[in-house]
């Protein structure tokens, strides 16, 4: 912060003698470390150390020892040379913001600084949806970054697993991309979702293709947001089914999965959406009037 603001001295009551930048670009505690070390009150104000006398500035030092060494005396002379022409006034101390010609801080100046830097934006930013619970979106968010505790991820972390194969199909290594996209069970689920939501068959090559599906779909804003909510709920349900198979020895069933996705998504969308109430009949037909 000391590099972008500097003190404008007036009466010296509100400016730290050692810690603030008020004479030189570098604060005195950095320029004169030996003096700062023997300063009795390191947070003293300017008026604690200098005052106006008949012959000019009077210095009111407060050292922790009676006699200064040679290097300390040299630093005192240098410091006095920097302050020599200073004249305190009866005005109020102020602060100058480096990045605005007026010297006043403004949000606009911060925006100009940010826009002028070479920032690198991530290629894909996860889109949250307030029509579903945050914990639901969290599954898709973590899956996108390949940070779900799949068998493959656990093996990489040296966690012992019996095998690396997907528990839903048993054919391929269990990764996030496999579980949610390329697994035969997941593909059937997404085909059922497409048929219910009146979409062409969903062909996805990666998780991001599913998470951006609503952006390339037709219909009203409400319908596209509802589709996005359905996609997030589908991620949640697929992962829950995977865990039920692992820990409860359940059998995966794509049609039961669709029913569960419909009911859970309806519960969240109907209660969280600020739009007009949505009936179960319209939801079952995915009818949004657009």
Protein backbone atom coordinates (compact mmCIF):
# COMPACT_ATOMS: atom_id res chain seq x y z
CA UNK A 1 0.00 0.00 0.00
CA UNK A 2 2.91 2.39 0.73
CA UNK A 3 3.90 2.17 -2.94
CA UNK A 4 0.63 3.58 -4.28
CA UNK A 5 -0.23 6.20 -1.64
CA UNK A 6 1.87 8.90 -0.05
CA UNK A 7 1.22 11.38 2.73
CA UNK A 8 0.71 15.09 2.08
CA UNK A 9 2.05 16.85 5.14
CA UNK A 10 0.23 19.78 6.77
CA UNK A 11 0.10 19.83 10.56
CA UNK A 12 1.76 16.41 10.92
CA UNK A 13 -0.75 15.14 13.47
CA UNK A 14 -1.93 12.16 11.42
CA UNK A 15 1.24 11.06 9.63
CA UNK A 16 3.66 8.55 11.10
CA UNK A 17 7.19 9.93 11.22
CA UNK A 18 8.88 6.60 10.51
CA UNK A 19 6.25 4.41 8.85
CA UNK A 20 4.59 6.67 6.25
CA UNK A 21 5.94 8.08 2.99
CA UNK A 22 5.80 11.83 3.51
CA UNK A 23 9.17 13.26 2.45
CA UNK A 24 10.83 10.64 0.27
CA UNK A 25 9.46 7.72 -1.78
CA UNK A 26 10.99 5.41 0.83
CA UNK A 27 9.71 5.53 4.45
CA UNK A 28 12.26 6.56 7.05
CA UNK A 29 12.18 3.19 8.83
CA UNK A 30 13.61 1.63 5.65
CA UNK A 31 16.04 4.44 4.86
CA UNK A 32 17.42 4.69 8.39
CA UNK A 33 17.11 1.24 9.96
CA UNK A 34 19.72 1.94 12.64
CA UNK A 35 17.80 4.99 13.87
CA UNK A 36 14.50 3.17 13.73
CA UNK A 37 16.00 0.43 15.86
CA UNK A 38 16.82 2.87 18.66
CA UNK A 39 13.58 4.89 18.33
CA UNK A 40 11.63 4.71 21.58
CA UNK A 41 8.14 5.13 20.00
CA UNK A 42 8.17 3.55 16.56
CA UNK A 43 4.60 4.66 15.80
CA UNK A 44 5.16 8.31 16.68
CA UNK A 45 3.64 11.06 14.55
CA UNK A 46 5.53 13.77 12.69
CA UNK A 47 4.56 16.36 15.33
CA UNK A 48 6.08 14.12 18.01
CA UNK A 49 9.51 14.52 16.44
CA UNK A 50 9.56 17.99 14.89
CA UNK A 51 8.12 21.37 15.85
CA UNK A 52 8.52 24.98 14.80
CA UNK A 53 11.11 27.07 16.66
CA UNK A 54 12.31 30.67 16.36
CA UNK A 55 15.21 29.59 14.17
CA UNK A 56 13.38 26.92 12.19
CA UNK A 57 12.60 23.27 12.82
CA UNK A 58 13.26 21.79 16.25
CA UNK A 59 13.87 18.03 16.44
CA UNK A 60 12.55 16.18 19.45
CA UNK A 61 14.32 12.82 19.33
CA UNK A 62 13.54 10.02 21.77
CA UNK A 63 16.24 7.39 21.56
CA UNK A 64 16.45 4.28 23.70
CA UNK A 65 20.09 5.04 24.54
CA UNK A 66 21.85 8.29 25.59
CA UNK A 67 24.63 8.26 22.98
CA UNK A 68 24.38 7.36 19.30
CA UNK A 69 27.11 5.58 17.39
CA UNK A 70 28.95 6.98 14.38
CA UNK A 71 26.69 5.32 11.79
CA UNK A 72 23.59 6.42 13.68
CA UNK A 73 24.86 10.01 13.82
CA UNK A 74 25.52 9.94 10.07
CA UNK A 75 21.96 8.77 9.49
CA UNK A 76 20.64 11.57 11.72
CA UNK A 77 22.47 14.15 9.59
CA UNK A 78 21.13 12.63 6.41
CA UNK A 79 17.59 12.60 7.81
CA UNK A 80 17.86 16.23 8.92
CA UNK A 81 19.01 17.14 5.42
CA UNK A 82 15.87 15.61 3.93
CA UNK A 83 13.53 17.41 6.32
CA UNK A 84 15.44 20.72 6.43
CA UNK A 85 13.09 22.86 4.33
CA UNK A 86 9.86 21.49 5.79
CA UNK A 87 7.30 23.91 7.22
CA UNK A 88 4.31 22.59 9.13
CA UNK A 89 1.00 24.38 8.69
CA UNK A 90 -2.31 24.48 10.52
CA UNK A 91 -4.03 22.45 7.80
CA UNK A 92 -5.08 18.81 7.90
CA UNK A 93 -2.79 16.06 6.66
CA UNK A 94 -3.92 14.28 3.51
CA UNK A 95 -3.09 11.33 1.27
CA UNK A 96 -2.22 11.17 -2.42
CA UNK A 97 -3.29 8.24 -4.63
CA UNK A 98 -0.63 7.52 -7.24
CA UNK A 99 -2.92 6.26 -9.99
CA UNK A 100 -5.19 9.28 -10.41
CA UNK A 101 -4.09 12.74 -11.66
CA UNK A 102 -6.16 14.40 -8.94
CA UNK A 103 -4.42 12.37 -6.25
CA UNK A 104 -7.78 11.13 -5.00
CA UNK A 105 -8.60 7.44 -4.77
CA UNK A 106 -11.40 6.20 -7.03
CA UNK A 107 -12.77 2.84 -8.13
CA UNK A 108 -12.43 4.03 -11.74
CA UNK A 109 -8.65 4.28 -11.32
CA UNK A 110 -8.54 0.69 -10.06
CA UNK A 111 -10.51 -0.42 -13.13
CA UNK A 112 -8.05 1.38 -15.41
CA UNK A 113 -5.14 -0.36 -13.72
CA UNK A 114 -6.75 -3.77 -14.09
CA UNK A 115 -7.73 -3.21 -17.72
CA UNK A 116 -4.17 -2.16 -18.61
CA UNK A 117 -2.49 -5.27 -17.23
CA UNK A 118 -1.93 -8.41 -19.26
CA UNK A 119 -4.38 -10.62 -17.45
CA UNK A 120 -4.89 -14.20 -18.55
CA UNK A 121 -8.53 -15.25 -18.27
CA UNK A 122 -9.37 -18.91 -17.84
CA UNK A 123 -10.69 -20.50 -21.01
CA UNK A 124 -13.67 -22.01 -19.24
CA UNK A 125 -15.36 -20.46 -16.24
CA UNK A 126 -17.81 -22.61 -14.33
CA UNK A 127 -21.36 -21.27 -14.42
CA UNK A 128 -23.35 -21.65 -11.21
CA UNK A 129 -27.13 -21.84 -11.13
CA UNK A 130 -29.11 -20.46 -8.19
CA UNK A 131 -32.08 -22.66 -9.04
CA UNK A 132 -30.32 -25.67 -7.52
CA UNK A 133 -28.54 -26.21 -4.24
CA UNK A 134 -24.88 -25.17 -4.11
CA UNK A 135 -23.89 -28.71 -3.12
CA UNK A 136 -25.45 -29.97 -6.35
CA UNK A 137 -23.42 -27.60 -8.51
CA UNK A 138 -20.32 -28.50 -6.50
CA UNK A 139 -20.30 -32.03 -7.97
CA UNK A 140 -20.21 -30.73 -11.55
CA UNK A 141 -17.65 -28.07 -10.63
CA UNK A 142 -15.30 -30.63 -9.10
CA UNK A 143 -15.92 -33.10 -11.92
CA UNK A 144 -14.94 -30.47 -14.48
CA UNK A 145 -11.58 -30.09 -12.73
CA UNK A 146 -11.20 -33.88 -12.34
CA UNK A 147 -11.24 -33.51 -8.56
CA UNK A 148 -13.85 -36.08 -7.61
CA UNK A 149 -12.62 -39.10 -5.58
CA UNK A 150 -12.87 -41.53 -8.48
CA UNK A 151 -10.91 -44.79 -8.39
CA UNK A 152 -8.35 -43.35 -10.77
CA UNK A 153 -7.94 -40.19 -8.63
CA UNK A 154 -7.59 -42.25 -5.44
CA UNK A 155 -4.96 -44.50 -7.03
CA UNK A 156 -2.92 -41.45 -8.08
CA UNK A 157 -2.96 -40.34 -4.42
CA UNK A 158 -1.71 -43.79 -3.39
CA UNK A 159 -5.03 -44.76 -1.82
CA UNK A 160 -5.43 -48.54 -2.19
CA UNK A 161 -8.35 -49.57 -4.44
CA UNK A 162 -9.30 -53.09 -5.53
CA UNK A 163 -9.37 -52.12 -9.20
CA UNK A 164 -9.57 -49.00 -11.36
CA UNK A 165 -12.64 -49.97 -13.37
CA UNK A 166 -15.90 -48.01 -13.43
CA UNK A 167 -18.49 -49.51 -11.08
CA UNK A 168 -21.35 -48.57 -13.43
CA UNK A 169 -20.10 -50.39 -16.53
CA UNK A 170 -17.03 -52.35 -15.39
CA UNK A 171 -15.25 -51.81 -18.71
CA UNK A 172 -13.05 -48.72 -18.41
CA UNK A 173 -10.91 -46.84 -15.89
CA UNK A 174 -13.09 -44.76 -13.57
CA UNK A 175 -12.34 -41.07 -14.21
CA UNK A 176 -14.67 -38.07 -14.09
CA UNK A 177 -14.83 -37.87 -17.87
CA UNK A 178 -15.73 -41.53 -18.04
CA UNK A 179 -18.35 -41.59 -15.28
CA UNK A 180 -20.24 -38.51 -16.47
CA UNK A 181 -19.68 -38.63 -20.24
CA UNK A 182 -18.43 -41.80 -21.91
CA UNK A 183 -19.74 -44.52 -19.60
CA UNK A 184 -22.48 -46.55 -21.29
CA UNK A 185 -24.76 -45.99 -18.31
CA UNK A 186 -24.18 -42.22 -18.41
CA UNK A 187 -24.82 -42.12 -22.17
CA UNK A 188 -28.20 -43.79 -21.68
CA UNK A 189 -29.05 -41.27 -18.96
CA UNK A 190 -28.14 -38.33 -21.21
CA UNK A 191 -30.18 -39.78 -24.09
CA UNK A 192 -33.17 -40.02 -21.74
CA UNK A 193 -32.58 -36.43 -20.61
CA UNK A 194 -32.49 -35.29 -24.25
CA UNK A 195 -35.76 -37.04 -25.04
CA UNK A 196 -37.47 -35.53 -21.98
CA UNK A 197 -36.14 -32.01 -22.60
CA UNK A 198 -37.01 -32.21 -26.33
CA UNK A 199 -33.41 -31.97 -27.47
CA UNK A 200 -31.51 -33.77 -30.22
CA UNK A 201 -29.49 -36.73 -28.92
CA UNK A 202 -26.76 -35.37 -26.68
CA UNK A 203 -23.30 -36.11 -28.09
CA UNK A 204 -20.63 -34.97 -25.66
CA UNK A 205 -16.87 -35.37 -25.94
CA UNK A 206 -16.16 -33.96 -22.51
CA UNK A 207 -17.74 -32.61 -19.34
CA UNK A 208 -17.69 -29.03 -20.64
CA UNK A 209 -19.92 -30.03 -23.57
CA UNK A 210 -22.58 -31.00 -21.04
CA UNK A 211 -22.12 -27.95 -18.84
CA UNK A 212 -22.55 -25.61 -21.83
CA UNK A 213 -25.46 -27.49 -23.38
CA UNK A 214 -28.00 -24.88 -22.27
CA UNK A 215 -26.00 -22.14 -23.96
CA UNK A 216 -26.43 -23.67 -27.42
CA UNK A 217 -30.04 -24.75 -26.93
CA UNK A 218 -33.10 -22.88 -28.19
CA UNK A 219 -35.99 -21.59 -26.11
CA UNK A 220 -36.65 -18.91 -23.54
CA UNK A 221 -34.17 -17.79 -20.91
CA UNK A 222 -36.17 -19.64 -18.28
CA UNK A 223 -36.15 -22.86 -20.28
CA UNK A 224 -32.39 -22.68 -20.85
CA UNK A 225 -31.74 -22.00 -17.18
CA UNK A 226 -33.99 -24.93 -16.25
CA UNK A 227 -32.03 -27.14 -18.66
CA UNK A 228 -28.80 -26.06 -17.01
CA UNK A 229 -30.29 -26.95 -13.63
CA UNK A 230 -31.27 -30.37 -14.97
CA UNK A 231 -27.72 -30.97 -16.20
CA UNK A 232 -26.28 -30.11 -12.77
CA UNK A 233 -28.81 -32.34 -11.02
CA UNK A 234 -27.92 -35.14 -13.45
CA UNK A 235 -24.27 -34.89 -12.45
CA UNK A 236 -25.34 -35.04 -8.80
CA UNK A 237 -27.56 -38.10 -9.36
CA UNK A 238 -24.98 -40.01 -11.42
CA UNK A 239 -22.40 -39.51 -8.69
CA UNK A 240 -24.88 -40.51 -5.99
CA UNK A 241 -25.75 -43.65 -7.96
CA UNK A 242 -22.06 -44.44 -8.30
CA UNK A 243 -21.65 -44.19 -4.51
CA UNK A 244 -24.75 -46.32 -3.91
CA UNK A 245 -23.23 -49.04 -6.09
CA UNK A 246 -19.87 -48.83 -4.28
CA UNK A 247 -21.11 -48.61 -0.70
CA UNK A 248 -24.61 -50.15 -0.79
CA UNK A 249 -24.23 -52.65 -3.62
CA UNK A 250 -27.15 -51.07 -5.50
CA UNK A 251 -27.84 -51.89 -9.15
CA UNK A 252 -27.74 -48.95 -11.57
CA UNK A 253 -31.03 -48.33 -13.38
CA UNK A 254 -31.18 -45.61 -16.04
CA UNK A 255 -34.98 -45.25 -16.06
CA UNK A 256 -35.19 -44.93 -12.29
CA UNK A 257 -32.38 -42.43 -12.55
CA UNK A 258 -34.44 -40.28 -14.96
CA UNK A 259 -37.40 -40.29 -12.57
CA UNK A 260 -35.16 -39.24 -9.73
CA UNK A 261 -33.60 -36.44 -11.78
CA UNK A 262 -37.04 -35.15 -12.77
CA UNK A 263 -38.36 -35.09 -9.22
CA UNK A 264 -35.26 -33.61 -7.60
CA UNK A 265 -34.81 -30.94 -10.28
CA UNK A 266 -38.51 -30.03 -10.07
CA UNK A 267 -38.31 -29.66 -6.31
CA UNK A 268 -35.37 -27.25 -6.52
CA UNK A 269 -36.44 -25.29 -9.61
CA UNK A 270 -40.01 -24.86 -8.45
CA UNK A 271 -38.99 -23.51 -5.05
CA UNK A 272 -35.93 -21.49 -6.04
CA UNK A 273 -37.08 -19.94 -9.29
CA UNK A 274 -38.50 -16.42 -9.11
CA UNK A 275 -40.60 -17.15 -12.18
CA UNK A 276 -44.27 -18.17 -12.02
CA UNK A 277 -44.96 -21.47 -10.27
CA UNK A 278 -44.30 -24.47 -12.48
CA UNK A 279 -46.75 -27.37 -12.41
CA UNK A 280 -45.59 -30.97 -12.34
CA UNK A 281 -47.51 -31.61 -15.57
CA UNK A 282 -45.62 -28.89 -17.42
CA UNK A 283 -42.36 -30.02 -15.88
CA UNK A 284 -42.95 -33.63 -16.93
CA UNK A 285 -43.34 -32.38 -20.52
CA UNK A 286 -40.52 -29.85 -20.03
CA UNK A 287 -42.97 -27.21 -21.21
CA UNK A 288 -41.81 -23.62 -20.66
CA UNK A 289 -43.67 -21.95 -23.49
CA UNK A 290 -40.49 -21.41 -25.48
